[in-house]
Amino acid sequence: MNPVIYPVDPEKALDIFNAIARYGIVRVDVENAASILDDMLGSEGEKLRYARRILDNGNIDKAVLVLREGEGIFIIKMENVVEIRVTVRDYSRLIEEFALNQG
């Protein structure tokens, strides 16, 4: 099955990120090319808080929700340095509540 992609505008991406815990977080990954701190974070909660701090200090270049193999992966890219990926369980409710459309 090919991935299904839902583009998300930057303002809506922040709203989604602020509400992301409501959709059953499975996994959080943060890659920051300018820091090694992201490699030292242990729990999903720590990674989510770290991602929130990064979002507060930067500009979102691109955000998408990707559906692939039964998972919804919310991806935010910032300044070609940071990539935040949050995998959620209840992605269909997220799509509905934020009125996302396939791109």
Protein backbone atom coordinates (compact mmCIF):
# COMPACT_ATOMS: atom_id res chain seq x y z
CA MET A 1 0.00 0.00 0.00
CA ASN A 2 1.37 3.41 -0.99
CA PRO A 3 1.55 6.08 1.72
CA VAL A 4 -1.23 8.65 1.88
CA ILE A 5 -0.05 12.19 2.57
CA TYR A 6 -2.00 15.02 4.17
CA PRO A 7 -0.20 18.39 3.91
CA VAL A 8 -0.59 20.58 7.00
CA ASP A 9 -0.06 24.35 7.08
CA PRO A 10 2.38 25.58 9.79
CA GLU A 11 -0.24 27.25 11.99
CA LYS A 12 -2.40 24.15 12.01
CA ALA A 13 0.72 22.03 12.66
CA LEU A 14 1.25 23.84 15.97
CA ASP A 15 -2.39 23.27 16.94
CA ILE A 16 -2.08 19.57 16.08
CA PHE A 17 1.17 19.25 18.02
CA ASN A 18 -0.44 20.88 21.08
CA ALA A 19 -3.26 18.32 20.95
CA ILE A 20 -1.26 15.29 19.74
CA ALA A 21 -1.46 13.38 23.03
CA ARG A 22 -5.24 12.98 22.56
CA TYR A 23 -4.62 10.67 19.59
CA GLY A 24 -2.66 7.94 21.34
CA ILE A 25 1.05 8.54 20.94
CA VAL A 26 2.91 5.39 19.92
CA ARG A 27 6.36 6.84 19.34
CA VAL A 28 8.17 10.19 19.23
CA ASP A 29 11.38 10.75 17.28
CA VAL A 30 13.32 14.01 17.19
CA GLU A 31 16.36 14.51 15.00
CA ASN A 32 18.25 17.74 15.51
CA ALA A 33 21.40 18.03 13.41
CA ALA A 34 22.57 20.93 15.60
CA SER A 35 22.39 19.03 18.90
CA ILE A 36 23.24 15.68 20.44
CA LEU A 37 20.62 16.10 23.17
CA ASP A 38 17.97 14.36 21.05
CA ASP A 39 20.02 11.14 21.22
CA MET A 40 20.04 11.20 25.03
CA LEU A 41 16.30 11.46 25.62
CA GLY A 42 14.80 8.29 27.03
CA SER A 43 11.04 8.52 27.33
CA GLU A 44 8.40 9.58 24.84
CA GLY A 45 7.38 12.35 27.26
CA GLU A 46 10.91 13.77 27.35
CA LYS A 47 11.08 13.69 23.56
CA LEU A 48 7.71 15.43 23.29
CA ARG A 49 8.76 18.19 25.73
CA TYR A 50 12.05 18.63 23.84
CA ALA A 51 10.16 18.88 20.55
CA ARG A 52 7.84 21.49 22.09
CA ARG A 53 10.84 23.64 23.12
CA ILE A 54 12.24 23.41 19.59
CA LEU A 55 8.88 24.38 18.09
CA ASP A 56 8.69 27.40 20.40
CA ASN A 57 12.05 28.67 19.07
CA GLY A 58 11.88 27.97 15.34
CA ASN A 59 9.92 28.18 12.15
CA ILE A 60 8.11 25.25 10.61
CA ASP A 61 9.14 24.72 6.99
CA LYS A 62 6.91 21.74 6.27
CA ALA A 63 4.37 19.57 8.06
CA VAL A 64 2.53 16.47 6.88
CA LEU A 65 0.54 13.58 8.23
CA VAL A 66 1.59 10.36 6.51
CA LEU A 67 -0.53 7.21 6.67
CA ARG A 68 1.50 4.09 6.06
CA GLU A 69 1.06 0.46 7.09
CA GLY A 70 -1.67 1.20 9.62
CA GLU A 71 0.20 4.06 11.29
CA GLY A 72 -0.30 7.81 11.24
CA ILE A 73 3.00 9.68 11.38
CA PHE A 74 2.87 13.43 11.95
CA ILE A 75 6.09 14.96 10.59
CA ILE A 76 7.35 18.49 11.14
CA LYS A 77 10.51 19.81 9.48
CA MET A 78 12.17 22.99 10.67
CA GLU A 79 14.93 25.06 9.12
CA ASN A 80 16.45 22.00 7.41
CA VAL A 81 17.94 21.06 10.78
CA VAL A 82 15.16 19.50 12.85
CA GLU A 83 12.71 16.73 12.04
CA ILE A 84 10.01 15.77 14.54
CA ARG A 85 8.01 12.58 13.96
CA VAL A 86 5.11 11.60 16.19
CA THR A 87 3.37 8.31 15.46
CA VAL A 88 -0.24 8.23 16.63
CA ARG A 89 -2.72 5.43 16.98
CA ASP A 90 -5.99 7.31 16.32
CA TYR A 91 -4.99 9.14 13.16
CA SER A 92 -8.48 8.92 11.63
CA ARG A 93 -9.90 11.06 14.45
CA LEU A 94 -7.01 13.53 14.04
CA ILE A 95 -7.79 13.84 10.32
CA GLU A 96 -11.47 14.41 11.05
CA GLU A 97 -11.03 16.88 13.92
CA PHE A 98 -8.49 19.02 12.05
CA ALA A 99 -10.29 18.70 8.68
CA LEU A 100 -7.15 17.52 6.85
CA ASN A 101 -7.31 16.84 3.12
CA GLN A 102 -5.10 14.57 1.04
CA GLY A 103 -2.45 16.33 -0.98
